[in-house]
Amino acid sequence: NGGTLLGGTGPTYMKASNVQGIIA
């Protein structure tokens, strides 16, 4: 992805909402 990470820059947990976001 051109070196661009998904997820968070601080403490970000693998919650359902975050997983739905990366899948979307």
PDB file of all heavy atoms in Angstrom:
ATOM      1  N   ASN A   1       0.823  -1.217   0.000  1.00  0.00           N
ATOM      2  CA  ASN A   1       0.000   0.000   0.000  1.00  0.00           C
ATOM      3  C   ASN A   1       0.855   1.264   0.000  1.00  0.00           C
ATOM      4  O   ASN A   1       0.520   2.274   0.618  1.00  0.00           O
ATOM      5  CB  ASN A   1      -0.936   0.002   1.224  1.00  0.00           C
ATOM      6  CG  ASN A   1      -2.077   0.977   1.109  1.00  0.00           C
ATOM      7  OD1 ASN A   1      -2.623   1.195   0.034  1.00  0.00           O
ATOM      8  ND2 ASN A   1      -2.436   1.587   2.231  1.00  0.00           N
ATOM      9  N   GLY A   2       1.974   1.197  -0.708  1.00  0.00           N
ATOM     10  CA  GLY A   2       2.870   2.338  -0.769  1.00  0.00           C
ATOM     11  C   GLY A   2       3.492   2.689   0.565  1.00  0.00           C
ATOM     12  O   GLY A   2       3.968   3.807   0.771  1.00  0.00           O
ATOM     13  N   GLY A   3       3.512   1.730   1.479  1.00  0.00           N
ATOM     14  CA  GLY A   3       4.086   1.963   2.806  1.00  0.00           C
ATOM     15  C   GLY A   3       3.120   2.601   3.786  1.00  0.00           C
ATOM     16  O   GLY A   3       3.513   2.901   4.922  1.00  0.00           O
ATOM     17  N   THR A   4       1.872   2.812   3.389  1.00  0.00           N
ATOM     18  CA  THR A   4       0.877   3.415   4.278  1.00  0.00           C
ATOM     19  C   THR A   4       0.168   2.328   5.069  1.00  0.00           C
ATOM     20  O   THR A   4      -0.492   1.451   4.493  1.00  0.00           O
ATOM     21  CB  THR A   4      -0.164   4.214   3.477  1.00  0.00           C
ATOM     22  OG1 THR A   4       0.503   5.245   2.742  1.00  0.00           O
ATOM     23  CG2 THR A   4      -1.184   4.847   4.413  1.00  0.00           C
ATOM     24  N   LEU A   5       0.307   2.386   6.388  1.00  0.00           N
ATOM     25  CA  LEU A   5      -0.296   1.385   7.253  1.00  0.00           C
ATOM     26  C   LEU A   5      -1.738   1.735   7.578  1.00  0.00           C
ATOM     27  O   LEU A   5      -2.092   2.904   7.720  1.00  0.00           O
ATOM     28  CB  LEU A   5       0.489   1.252   8.564  1.00  0.00           C
ATOM     29  CG  LEU A   5       1.949   0.801   8.484  1.00  0.00           C
ATOM     30  CD1 LEU A   5       2.601   0.875   9.863  1.00  0.00           C
ATOM     31  CD2 LEU A   5       2.047  -0.608   7.933  1.00  0.00           C
ATOM     32  N   LEU A   6      -2.579   0.717   7.701  1.00  0.00           N
ATOM     33  CA  LEU A   6      -3.912   0.892   8.245  1.00  0.00           C
ATOM     34  C   LEU A   6      -3.837   0.644   9.757  1.00  0.00           C
ATOM     35  O   LEU A   6      -2.829   0.181  10.268  1.00  0.00           O
ATOM     36  CB  LEU A   6      -4.888  -0.081   7.590  1.00  0.00           C
ATOM     37  CG  LEU A   6      -4.955  -0.056   6.060  1.00  0.00           C
ATOM     38  CD1 LEU A   6      -5.988  -1.055   5.563  1.00  0.00           C
ATOM     39  CD2 LEU A   6      -5.274   1.346   5.557  1.00  0.00           C
ATOM     40  N   GLY A   7      -4.937   0.927  10.462  1.00  0.00           N
ATOM     41  CA  GLY A   7      -4.887   0.820  11.910  1.00  0.00           C
ATOM     42  C   GLY A   7      -4.572   2.177  12.515  1.00  0.00           C
ATOM     43  O   GLY A   7      -4.791   3.218  11.885  1.00  0.00           O
ATOM     44  N   GLY A   8      -4.022   2.186  13.719  1.00  0.00           N
ATOM     45  CA  GLY A   8      -3.790   3.453  14.407  1.00  0.00           C
ATOM     46  C   GLY A   8      -2.334   3.770  14.627  1.00  0.00           C
ATOM     47  O   GLY A   8      -1.461   2.915  14.478  1.00  0.00           O
ATOM     48  N   THR A   9      -2.070   5.025  14.978  1.00  0.00           N
ATOM     49  CA  THR A   9      -0.708   5.460  15.281  1.00  0.00           C
ATOM     50  C   THR A   9      -0.418   5.381  16.775  1.00  0.00           C
ATOM     51  O   THR A   9       0.726   5.399  17.193  1.00  0.00           O
ATOM     52  CB  THR A   9      -0.468   6.894  14.796  1.00  0.00           C
ATOM     53  OG1 THR A   9      -1.461   7.761  15.390  1.00  0.00           O
ATOM     54  CG2 THR A   9      -0.591   6.963  13.292  1.00  0.00           C
ATOM     55  N   GLY A  10      -1.475   5.301  17.580  1.00  0.00           N
ATOM     56  CA  GLY A  10      -1.317   5.142  19.023  1.00  0.00           C
ATOM     57  C   GLY A  10      -1.848   3.795  19.430  1.00  0.00           C
ATOM     58  O   GLY A  10      -2.001   2.902  18.605  1.00  0.00           O
ATOM     59  N   PRO A  11      -2.157   3.597  20.700  1.00  0.00           N
ATOM     60  CA  PRO A  11      -2.748   2.320  21.120  1.00  0.00           C
ATOM     61  C   PRO A  11      -4.106   2.100  20.446  1.00  0.00           C
ATOM     62  O   PRO A  11      -5.098   2.721  20.814  1.00  0.00           O
ATOM     63  CB  PRO A  11      -2.891   2.486  22.640  1.00  0.00           C
ATOM     64  CG  PRO A  11      -1.947   3.578  23.008  1.00  0.00           C
ATOM     65  CD  PRO A  11      -1.918   4.499  21.835  1.00  0.00           C
ATOM     66  N   THR A  12      -4.130   1.272  19.420  1.00  0.00           N
ATOM     67  CA  THR A  12      -5.362   0.966  18.692  1.00  0.00           C
ATOM     68  C   THR A  12      -5.587  -0.538  18.756  1.00  0.00           C
ATOM     69  O   THR A  12      -4.690  -1.314  18.417  1.00  0.00           O
ATOM     70  CB  THR A  12      -5.259   1.401  17.224  1.00  0.00           C
ATOM     71  OG1 THR A  12      -4.980   2.810  17.169  1.00  0.00           O
ATOM     72  CG2 THR A  12      -6.546   1.119  16.482  1.00  0.00           C
ATOM     73  N   TYR A  13      -6.767  -0.928  19.201  1.00  0.00           N
ATOM     74  CA  TYR A  13      -7.029  -2.341  19.408  1.00  0.00           C
ATOM     75  C   TYR A  13      -7.786  -2.940  18.224  1.00  0.00           C
ATOM     76  O   TYR A  13      -8.469  -2.239  17.470  1.00  0.00           O
ATOM     77  CB  TYR A  13      -7.811  -2.556  20.700  1.00  0.00           C
ATOM     78  CG  TYR A  13      -7.042  -2.114  21.918  1.00  0.00           C
ATOM     79  CD1 TYR A  13      -7.282  -0.878  22.502  1.00  0.00           C
ATOM     80  CD2 TYR A  13      -6.044  -2.927  22.460  1.00  0.00           C
ATOM     81  CE1 TYR A  13      -6.557  -0.456  23.606  1.00  0.00           C
ATOM     82  CE2 TYR A  13      -5.323  -2.512  23.562  1.00  0.00           C
ATOM     83  CZ  TYR A  13      -5.579  -1.276  24.136  1.00  0.00           C
ATOM     84  OH  TYR A  13      -4.855  -0.861  25.217  1.00  0.00           O
ATOM     85  N   MET A  14      -7.665  -4.238  18.089  1.00  0.00           N
ATOM     86  CA  MET A  14      -8.314  -4.951  16.997  1.00  0.00           C
ATOM     87  C   MET A  14      -9.775  -5.190  17.369  1.00  0.00           C
ATOM     88  O   MET A  14     -10.199  -6.314  17.618  1.00  0.00           O
ATOM     89  CB  MET A  14      -7.584  -6.270  16.727  1.00  0.00           C
ATOM     90  CG  MET A  14      -7.945  -6.925  15.408  1.00  0.00           C
ATOM     91  SD  MET A  14      -6.854  -8.322  15.049  1.00  0.00           S
ATOM     92  CE  MET A  14      -7.545  -8.867  13.489  1.00  0.00           C
ATOM     93  N   LYS A  15     -10.530  -4.118  17.400  1.00  0.00           N
ATOM     94  CA  LYS A  15     -11.953  -4.183  17.705  1.00  0.00           C
ATOM     95  C   LYS A  15     -12.728  -4.499  16.429  1.00  0.00           C
ATOM     96  O   LYS A  15     -12.230  -4.326  15.323  1.00  0.00           O
ATOM     97  CB  LYS A  15     -12.426  -2.852  18.303  1.00  0.00           C
ATOM     98  CG  LYS A  15     -11.735  -2.466  19.599  1.00  0.00           C
ATOM     99  CD  LYS A  15     -12.348  -1.204  20.195  1.00  0.00           C
ATOM    100  CE  LYS A  15     -12.169  -0.003  19.280  1.00  0.00           C
ATOM    101  NZ  LYS A  15     -12.669   1.252  19.910  1.00  0.00           N
ATOM    102  N   ALA A  16     -13.976  -4.930  16.624  1.00  0.00           N
ATOM    103  CA  ALA A  16     -14.813  -5.260  15.477  1.00  0.00           C
ATOM    104  C   ALA A  16     -14.968  -4.071  14.540  1.00  0.00           C
ATOM    105  O   ALA A  16     -14.907  -4.210  13.320  1.00  0.00           O
ATOM    106  CB  ALA A  16     -16.181  -5.748  15.952  1.00  0.00           C
ATOM    107  N   SER A  17     -15.146  -2.886  15.111  1.00  0.00           N
ATOM    108  CA  SER A  17     -15.337  -1.700  14.272  1.00  0.00           C
ATOM    109  C   SER A  17     -14.088  -1.390  13.452  1.00  0.00           C
ATOM    110  O   SER A  17     -14.183  -0.993  12.275  1.00  0.00           O
ATOM    111  CB  SER A  17     -15.703  -0.493  15.139  1.00  0.00           C
ATOM    112  OG  SER A  17     -14.696  -0.250  16.113  1.00  0.00           O
ATOM    113  N   ASN A  18     -12.908  -1.588  14.056  1.00  0.00           N
ATOM    114  CA  ASN A  18     -11.669  -1.333  13.328  1.00  0.00           C
ATOM    115  C   ASN A  18     -11.445  -2.372  12.231  1.00  0.00           C
ATOM    116  O   ASN A  18     -10.965  -2.050  11.138  1.00  0.00           O
ATOM    117  CB  ASN A  18     -10.484  -1.331  14.292  1.00  0.00           C
ATOM    118  CG  ASN A  18     -10.504  -0.144  15.230  1.00  0.00           C
ATOM    119  OD1 ASN A  18     -11.035   0.914  14.896  1.00  0.00           O
ATOM    120  ND2 ASN A  18      -9.944  -0.297  16.417  1.00  0.00           N
ATOM    121  N   VAL A  19     -11.769  -3.612  12.540  1.00  0.00           N
ATOM    122  CA  VAL A  19     -11.618  -4.668  11.536  1.00  0.00           C
ATOM    123  C   VAL A  19     -12.577  -4.437  10.377  1.00  0.00           C
ATOM    124  O   VAL A  19     -12.213  -4.588   9.200  1.00  0.00           O
ATOM    125  CB  VAL A  19     -11.842  -6.057  12.170  1.00  0.00           C
ATOM    126  CG1 VAL A  19     -11.827  -7.142  11.099  1.00  0.00           C
ATOM    127  CG2 VAL A  19     -10.764  -6.340  13.212  1.00  0.00           C
ATOM    128  N   GLN A  20     -13.812  -4.046  10.685  1.00  0.00           N
ATOM    129  CA  GLN A  20     -14.760  -3.719   9.623  1.00  0.00           C
ATOM    130  C   GLN A  20     -14.227  -2.583   8.758  1.00  0.00           C
ATOM    131  O   GLN A  20     -14.405  -2.559   7.537  1.00  0.00           O
ATOM    132  CB  GLN A  20     -16.120  -3.331  10.220  1.00  0.00           C
ATOM    133  CG  GLN A  20     -16.863  -4.479  10.874  1.00  0.00           C
ATOM    134  CD  GLN A  20     -17.535  -5.396   9.866  1.00  0.00           C
ATOM    135  OE1 GLN A  20     -17.283  -5.327   8.685  1.00  0.00           O
ATOM    136  NE2 GLN A  20     -18.410  -6.267  10.357  1.00  0.00           N
ATOM    137  N   GLY A  21     -13.569  -1.621   9.407  1.00  0.00           N
ATOM    138  CA  GLY A  21     -13.016  -0.480   8.674  1.00  0.00           C
ATOM    139  C   GLY A  21     -11.930  -0.876   7.697  1.00  0.00           C
ATOM    140  O   GLY A  21     -11.914  -0.410   6.551  1.00  0.00           O
ATOM    141  N   ILE A  22     -11.015  -1.757   8.126  1.00  0.00           N
ATOM    142  CA  ILE A  22      -9.922  -2.137   7.221  1.00  0.00           C
ATOM    143  C   ILE A  22     -10.444  -3.054   6.108  1.00  0.00           C
ATOM    144  O   ILE A  22      -9.942  -3.008   4.979  1.00  0.00           O
ATOM    145  CB  ILE A  22      -8.743  -2.787   7.966  1.00  0.00           C
ATOM    146  CG1 ILE A  22      -9.138  -4.128   8.597  1.00  0.00           C
ATOM    147  CG2 ILE A  22      -8.168  -1.855   9.012  1.00  0.00           C
ATOM    148  CD1 ILE A  22      -7.959  -4.896   9.168  1.00  0.00           C
ATOM    149  N   ILE A  23     -11.454  -3.871   6.415  1.00  0.00           N
ATOM    150  CA  ILE A  23     -12.052  -4.695   5.368  1.00  0.00           C
ATOM    151  C   ILE A  23     -12.753  -3.815   4.329  1.00  0.00           C
ATOM    152  O   ILE A  23     -12.630  -4.027   3.114  1.00  0.00           O
ATOM    153  CB  ILE A  23     -13.041  -5.713   5.966  1.00  0.00           C
ATOM    154  CG1 ILE A  23     -12.288  -6.760   6.793  1.00  0.00           C
ATOM    155  CG2 ILE A  23     -13.853  -6.392   4.867  1.00  0.00           C
ATOM    156  CD1 ILE A  23     -13.183  -7.722   7.533  1.00  0.00           C
ATOM    157  N   ALA A  24     -13.483  -2.806   4.816  1.00  0.00           N
ATOM    158  CA  ALA A  24     -14.154  -1.881   3.897  1.00  0.00           C
ATOM    159  C   ALA A  24     -13.138  -1.163   3.022  1.00  0.00           C
ATOM    160  O   ALA A  24     -13.351  -0.983   1.811  1.00  0.00           O
ATOM    161  CB  ALA A  24     -14.979  -0.872   4.687  1.00  0.00           C
TER     162      ALA A  24
END
